[in-house]
Every structure is written in C-alpha cells, then in structure tokens.
Amino acid sequence: MEPLKAWPYAVRGGDTITSKWPLDHFEDREYHLRVYGPNGFFREFAGNVSDPDLDLKCGYQKKRGILNRLSGNVQMEISNTSRNKLEITIEDHAYGNPRQKVLVAKTSTKSVVVPAIDSYGWYDFSIRVKGFPNFYRRYSGRVETGKPSKSDPFMGREILK
C-alpha cells in the first residue's frame, strides 16, 4: 500500500482542474484527498461509497449590482441531487463565524454565504452532512478582491471580534 501519492498541477488564475479517481483505487473504497495551492489555498475531501448525492461549489460572492466585483465573502452552492432532504453543517475553524445549519430539500440547490470580510477575505471552514459521518469537505484560502491585502490574522493568532 502506498502511504502517499502526489499529483502536481499548474494552472493560471481563473482556470479549473477536473480529475477523477475511481473509488476502487482506494483501500476499502474510502478516499482522503488534499489540495494545496498558493496564498493559503487548501481543499480537503474525504468520504466513501456511502457519500450523499451532493454537489458543492465553492466560489466568491459578488457585490449586488456591480458586475464582477467581489464582496470579500465566500459563497457555497449546495445542490442536493438525492431523494431525501439533507442537513448540512458549515463550521468555521479560525475566524469566529457561527456554525451554520442548512436544510437542503431533495433535488434542490441552496446558496449559503460564509462571511470572510471581517477576516480580510481569509476563510477556513468545513462541511459535514448529518447521517454521513465519513463525508468531510474543508475549504481554506483568501478571497482576492483586488484591494490591498493583509496577512492571515489566524496565522499570527490575532484575536478577531
């Protein structure tokens, strides 16, 4: 068994990468993948064959009425493609945001804002789904708005709020 395998990628700003790894390539069909990038970008994906029928898209919230201007917050699009409602928990790991519980009806999509303005655009949160203990997603990084940036306040253990 290989304890670790790495796949290097190079992309330009705004590009996307799509890769697939069949579950039968993982021991006991349980996966745990981590993605590291520049400027604090981090994603973590864990689960197994019993994962919920769910599509998560992590993006940046746009300001109302201003085309292509970002607010500084994260916006999650949560699509439930299953036949049952799902209870989603979004938990902040660094910046003092309250835990959010979101019910997503069967075959529907909800948009959820994860605040990041007060932490200068920095975010670090995870998503879990009730009834699916192995399903885990974590998103960390910084919303790049084009404004001057500040160092990650959590990295320096600066107290927020």
C-alpha atoms as a PDB file:
ATOM      1  CA  MET A   1       0.000   0.000   0.000  1.00  0.00           C
ATOM      2  CA  GLU A   2       1.272   3.479  -0.876  1.00  0.00           C
ATOM      3  CA  PRO A   3       1.031   5.835   2.123  1.00  0.00           C
ATOM      4  CA  LEU A   4       1.042   8.982  -0.020  1.00  0.00           C
ATOM      5  CA  LYS A   5       0.827   9.922  -3.646  1.00  0.00           C
ATOM      6  CA  ALA A   6       1.137  13.416  -5.122  1.00  0.00           C
ATOM      7  CA  TRP A   7      -0.021  14.838  -8.440  1.00  0.00           C
ATOM      8  CA  PRO A   8       1.469  18.223  -9.388  1.00  0.00           C
ATOM      9  CA  TYR A   9      -0.603  20.641 -11.485  1.00  0.00           C
ATOM     10  CA  ALA A  10      -0.026  24.138 -12.833  1.00  0.00           C
ATOM     11  CA  VAL A  11      -2.909  26.470 -13.682  1.00  0.00           C
ATOM     12  CA  ARG A  12      -3.469  30.124 -14.497  1.00  0.00           C
ATOM     13  CA  GLY A  13      -5.715  32.375 -12.435  1.00  0.00           C
ATOM     14  CA  GLY A  14      -9.371  31.552 -13.066  1.00  0.00           C
ATOM     15  CA  ASP A  15      -8.666  28.156 -14.620  1.00  0.00           C
ATOM     16  CA  THR A  16     -10.258  24.971 -13.290  1.00  0.00           C
ATOM     17  CA  ILE A  17      -8.968  21.435 -12.996  1.00  0.00           C
ATOM     18  CA  THR A  18     -11.099  18.333 -13.142  1.00  0.00           C
ATOM     19  CA  SER A  19      -9.658  14.971 -12.142  1.00  0.00           C
ATOM     20  CA  LYS A  20     -11.315  11.686 -11.318  1.00  0.00           C
ATOM     21  CA  TRP A  21     -10.134   8.852  -9.137  1.00  0.00           C
ATOM     22  CA  PRO A  22     -12.314   5.706  -9.098  1.00  0.00           C
ATOM     23  CA  LEU A  23     -13.270   4.619  -5.574  1.00  0.00           C
ATOM     24  CA  ASP A  24     -11.933   1.128  -6.203  1.00  0.00           C
ATOM     25  CA  HIS A  25      -8.426   2.673  -6.364  1.00  0.00           C
ATOM     26  CA  PHE A  26      -8.690   3.437  -2.636  1.00  0.00           C
ATOM     27  CA  GLU A  27      -8.330   0.944   0.199  1.00  0.00           C
ATOM     28  CA  ASP A  28     -11.788  -0.074   1.454  1.00  0.00           C
ATOM     29  CA  ARG A  29     -13.224   2.428  -1.068  1.00  0.00           C
ATOM     30  CA  GLU A  30     -12.536   5.273   1.378  1.00  0.00           C
ATOM     31  CA  TYR A  31     -10.813   8.353  -0.011  1.00  0.00           C
ATOM     32  CA  HIS A  32      -8.978  11.259   1.587  1.00  0.00           C
ATOM     33  CA  LEU A  33      -7.540  13.874  -0.768  1.00  0.00           C
ATOM     34  CA  ARG A  34      -5.855  17.209  -0.027  1.00  0.00           C
ATOM     35  CA  VAL A  35      -5.168  20.055  -2.449  1.00  0.00           C
ATOM     36  CA  TYR A  36      -2.601  22.744  -1.617  1.00  0.00           C
ATOM     37  CA  GLY A  37      -2.054  25.954  -3.537  1.00  0.00           C
ATOM     38  CA  PRO A  38      -0.548  29.418  -3.143  1.00  0.00           C
ATOM     39  CA  ASN A  39      -1.702  32.109  -0.700  1.00  0.00           C
ATOM     40  CA  GLY A  40      -3.251  29.708   1.816  1.00  0.00           C
ATOM     41  CA  PHE A  41      -5.412  27.860  -0.720  1.00  0.00           C
ATOM     42  CA  PHE A  42      -6.357  24.443   0.683  1.00  0.00           C
ATOM     43  CA  ARG A  43      -9.099  21.912  -0.030  1.00  0.00           C
ATOM     44  CA  GLU A  44      -9.740  18.579   1.683  1.00  0.00           C
ATOM     45  CA  PHE A  45     -12.102  15.860   0.515  1.00  0.00           C
ATOM     46  CA  ALA A  46     -12.884  12.692   2.490  1.00  0.00           C
ATOM     47  CA  GLY A  47     -15.611  10.106   2.231  1.00  0.00           C
ATOM     48  CA  ASN A  48     -16.567   6.720   0.877  1.00  0.00           C
ATOM     49  CA  VAL A  49     -19.006   4.823  -1.309  1.00  0.00           C
ATOM     50  CA  SER A  50     -21.870   5.891   1.009  1.00  0.00           C
ATOM     51  CA  ASP A  51     -21.425   9.637   0.355  1.00  0.00           C
ATOM     52  CA  PRO A  52     -24.621  11.663  -0.045  1.00  0.00           C
ATOM     53  CA  ASP A  53     -25.752  12.687  -3.529  1.00  0.00           C
ATOM     54  CA  LEU A  54     -24.480  16.223  -3.158  1.00  0.00           C
ATOM     55  CA  ASP A  55     -22.668  18.725  -5.363  1.00  0.00           C
ATOM     56  CA  LEU A  56     -20.717  21.515  -3.626  1.00  0.00           C
ATOM     57  CA  LYS A  57     -19.314  24.537  -5.437  1.00  0.00           C
ATOM     58  CA  CYS A  58     -17.131  26.975  -3.527  1.00  0.00           C
ATOM     59  CA  GLY A  59     -16.988  30.410  -5.111  1.00  0.00           C
ATOM     60  CA  TYR A  60     -16.755  34.054  -4.172  1.00  0.00           C
ATOM     61  CA  GLN A  61     -19.814  36.198  -3.550  1.00  0.00           C
ATOM     62  CA  LYS A  62     -20.322  39.082  -5.971  1.00  0.00           C
ATOM     63  CA  LYS A  63     -21.489  42.509  -4.849  1.00  0.00           C
ATOM     64  CA  ARG A  64     -25.069  43.289  -5.742  1.00  0.00           C
ATOM     65  CA  GLY A  65     -25.463  45.385  -8.854  1.00  0.00           C
ATOM     66  CA  ILE A  66     -21.745  45.561  -9.589  1.00  0.00           C
ATOM     67  CA  LEU A  67     -20.658  43.170 -12.302  1.00  0.00           C
ATOM     68  CA  ASN A  68     -17.533  41.146 -11.496  1.00  0.00           C
ATOM     69  CA  ARG A  69     -16.829  42.911  -8.173  1.00  0.00           C
ATOM     70  CA  LEU A  70     -16.366  40.582  -5.230  1.00  0.00           C
ATOM     71  CA  SER A  71     -17.801  41.266  -1.779  1.00  0.00           C
ATOM     72  CA  GLY A  72     -14.979  39.528   0.128  1.00  0.00           C
ATOM     73  CA  ASN A  73     -17.206  36.643   1.266  1.00  0.00           C
ATOM     74  CA  VAL A  74     -17.339  33.017   0.146  1.00  0.00           C
ATOM     75  CA  GLN A  75     -20.498  31.669  -1.479  1.00  0.00           C
ATOM     76  CA  MET A  76     -21.273  27.951  -1.405  1.00  0.00           C
ATOM     77  CA  GLU A  77     -23.731  26.460  -3.877  1.00  0.00           C
ATOM     78  CA  ILE A  78     -25.108  23.276  -2.317  1.00  0.00           C
ATOM     79  CA  SER A  79     -27.051  21.012  -4.704  1.00  0.00           C
ATOM     80  CA  ASN A  80     -28.868  18.034  -3.233  1.00  0.00           C
ATOM     81  CA  THR A  81     -29.443  15.519  -6.020  1.00  0.00           C
ATOM     82  CA  SER A  82     -30.794  12.815  -3.694  1.00  0.00           C
ATOM     83  CA  ARG A  83     -34.370  11.811  -2.933  1.00  0.00           C
ATOM     84  CA  ASN A  84     -34.121  12.957   0.697  1.00  0.00           C
ATOM     85  CA  LYS A  85     -33.560  16.286   2.406  1.00  0.00           C
ATOM     86  CA  LEU A  86     -30.056  16.758   3.785  1.00  0.00           C
ATOM     87  CA  GLU A  87     -28.901  18.649   6.875  1.00  0.00           C
ATOM     88  CA  ILE A  88     -25.607  20.406   6.185  1.00  0.00           C
ATOM     89  CA  THR A  89     -23.352  21.884   8.871  1.00  0.00           C
ATOM     90  CA  ILE A  90     -20.818  24.571   7.989  1.00  0.00           C
ATOM     91  CA  GLU A  91     -18.241  25.114  10.717  1.00  0.00           C
ATOM     92  CA  ASP A  92     -15.630  27.866  10.875  1.00  0.00           C
ATOM     93  CA  HIS A  93     -12.165  26.768  12.055  1.00  0.00           C
ATOM     94  CA  ALA A  94     -10.390  30.075  12.590  1.00  0.00           C
ATOM     95  CA  TYR A  95     -12.314  33.333  12.286  1.00  0.00           C
ATOM     96  CA  GLY A  96     -15.148  33.199  14.812  1.00  0.00           C
ATOM     97  CA  ASN A  97     -18.073  32.761  12.423  1.00  0.00           C
ATOM     98  CA  PRO A  98     -21.049  30.959  13.977  1.00  0.00           C
ATOM     99  CA  ARG A  99     -21.854  27.400  12.922  1.00  0.00           C
ATOM    100  CA  GLN A 100     -24.467  27.309  10.165  1.00  0.00           C
ATOM    101  CA  LYS A 101     -27.013  24.518   9.782  1.00  0.00           C
ATOM    102  CA  VAL A 102     -28.693  24.370   6.407  1.00  0.00           C
ATOM    103  CA  LEU A 103     -31.544  22.089   5.310  1.00  0.00           C
ATOM    104  CA  VAL A 104     -31.480  21.363   1.591  1.00  0.00           C
ATOM    105  CA  ALA A 105     -34.649  19.825   0.204  1.00  0.00           C
ATOM    106  CA  LYS A 106     -34.437  16.858  -2.148  1.00  0.00           C
ATOM    107  CA  THR A 107     -33.442  17.734  -5.714  1.00  0.00           C
ATOM    108  CA  SER A 108     -32.844  21.407  -4.859  1.00  0.00           C
ATOM    109  CA  THR A 109     -29.998  23.906  -4.538  1.00  0.00           C
ATOM    110  CA  LYS A 110     -29.236  26.434  -1.801  1.00  0.00           C
ATOM    111  CA  SER A 111     -26.759  29.253  -1.816  1.00  0.00           C
ATOM    112  CA  VAL A 112     -25.004  29.920   1.512  1.00  0.00           C
ATOM    113  CA  VAL A 113     -22.704  32.842   2.297  1.00  0.00           C
ATOM    114  CA  VAL A 114     -19.690  32.190   4.519  1.00  0.00           C
ATOM    115  CA  PRO A 115     -18.521  35.537   5.945  1.00  0.00           C
ATOM    116  CA  ALA A 116     -14.895  36.479   5.299  1.00  0.00           C
ATOM    117  CA  ILE A 117     -14.943  40.307   5.154  1.00  0.00           C
ATOM    118  CA  ASP A 118     -14.055  40.746   8.853  1.00  0.00           C
ATOM    119  CA  SER A 119     -11.021  38.464   8.426  1.00  0.00           C
ATOM    120  CA  TYR A 120      -9.740  40.457   5.409  1.00  0.00           C
ATOM    121  CA  GLY A 121     -11.048  37.817   2.997  1.00  0.00           C
ATOM    122  CA  TRP A 122      -9.430  34.859   4.761  1.00  0.00           C
ATOM    123  CA  TYR A 123     -11.618  31.794   5.356  1.00  0.00           C
ATOM    124  CA  ASP A 124     -11.297  28.279   6.786  1.00  0.00           C
ATOM    125  CA  PHE A 125     -14.425  26.157   7.152  1.00  0.00           C
ATOM    126  CA  SER A 126     -15.640  22.601   6.784  1.00  0.00           C
ATOM    127  CA  ILE A 127     -18.847  20.947   5.647  1.00  0.00           C
ATOM    128  CA  ARG A 128     -20.416  17.840   7.115  1.00  0.00           C
ATOM    129  CA  VAL A 129     -23.723  16.112   6.358  1.00  0.00           C
ATOM    130  CA  LYS A 130     -25.891  14.607   9.102  1.00  0.00           C
ATOM    131  CA  GLY A 131     -26.092  10.825   8.765  1.00  0.00           C
ATOM    132  CA  PHE A 132     -22.886  10.588   6.698  1.00  0.00           C
ATOM    133  CA  PRO A 133     -20.031  10.508   9.254  1.00  0.00           C
ATOM    134  CA  ASN A 134     -17.267   9.843   6.711  1.00  0.00           C
ATOM    135  CA  PHE A 135     -18.216  12.731   4.410  1.00  0.00           C
ATOM    136  CA  TYR A 136     -15.995  15.784   5.006  1.00  0.00           C
ATOM    137  CA  ARG A 137     -15.045  18.842   2.973  1.00  0.00           C
ATOM    138  CA  ARG A 138     -12.735  21.656   4.054  1.00  0.00           C
ATOM    139  CA  TYR A 139     -12.120  24.961   2.284  1.00  0.00           C
ATOM    140  CA  SER A 140      -9.399  27.474   3.217  1.00  0.00           C
ATOM    141  CA  GLY A 141      -7.859  30.431   1.474  1.00  0.00           C
ATOM    142  CA  ARG A 142      -8.410  34.097   0.745  1.00  0.00           C
ATOM    143  CA  VAL A 143     -10.958  35.909  -1.393  1.00  0.00           C
ATOM    144  CA  GLU A 144      -8.916  38.086  -3.751  1.00  0.00           C
ATOM    145  CA  THR A 145     -10.902  41.290  -4.319  1.00  0.00           C
ATOM    146  CA  GLY A 146      -8.152  43.371  -5.927  1.00  0.00           C
ATOM    147  CA  LYS A 147      -7.846  45.553  -2.827  1.00  0.00           C
ATOM    148  CA  PRO A 148      -4.629  45.688  -0.763  1.00  0.00           C
ATOM    149  CA  SER A 149      -4.408  42.564   1.361  1.00  0.00           C
ATOM    150  CA  LYS A 150      -3.424  41.789   4.934  1.00  0.00           C
ATOM    151  CA  SER A 151      -1.661  38.754   6.327  1.00  0.00           C
ATOM    152  CA  ASP A 152      -3.841  35.929   7.567  1.00  0.00           C
ATOM    153  CA  PRO A 153      -4.934  37.033  11.068  1.00  0.00           C
ATOM    154  CA  PHE A 154      -5.239  33.419  12.211  1.00  0.00           C
ATOM    155  CA  MET A 155      -1.663  32.669  11.210  1.00  0.00           C
ATOM    156  CA  GLY A 156      -0.490  35.331  13.676  1.00  0.00           C
ATOM    157  CA  ARG A 157      -3.118  34.261  16.214  1.00  0.00           C
ATOM    158  CA  GLU A 158      -4.542  37.780  16.176  1.00  0.00           C
ATOM    159  CA  ILE A 159      -7.808  37.837  18.123  1.00  0.00           C
ATOM    160  CA  LEU A 160     -10.810  38.689  15.992  1.00  0.00           C
ATOM    161  CA  LYS A 161     -14.166  40.006  17.149  1.00  0.00           C
END
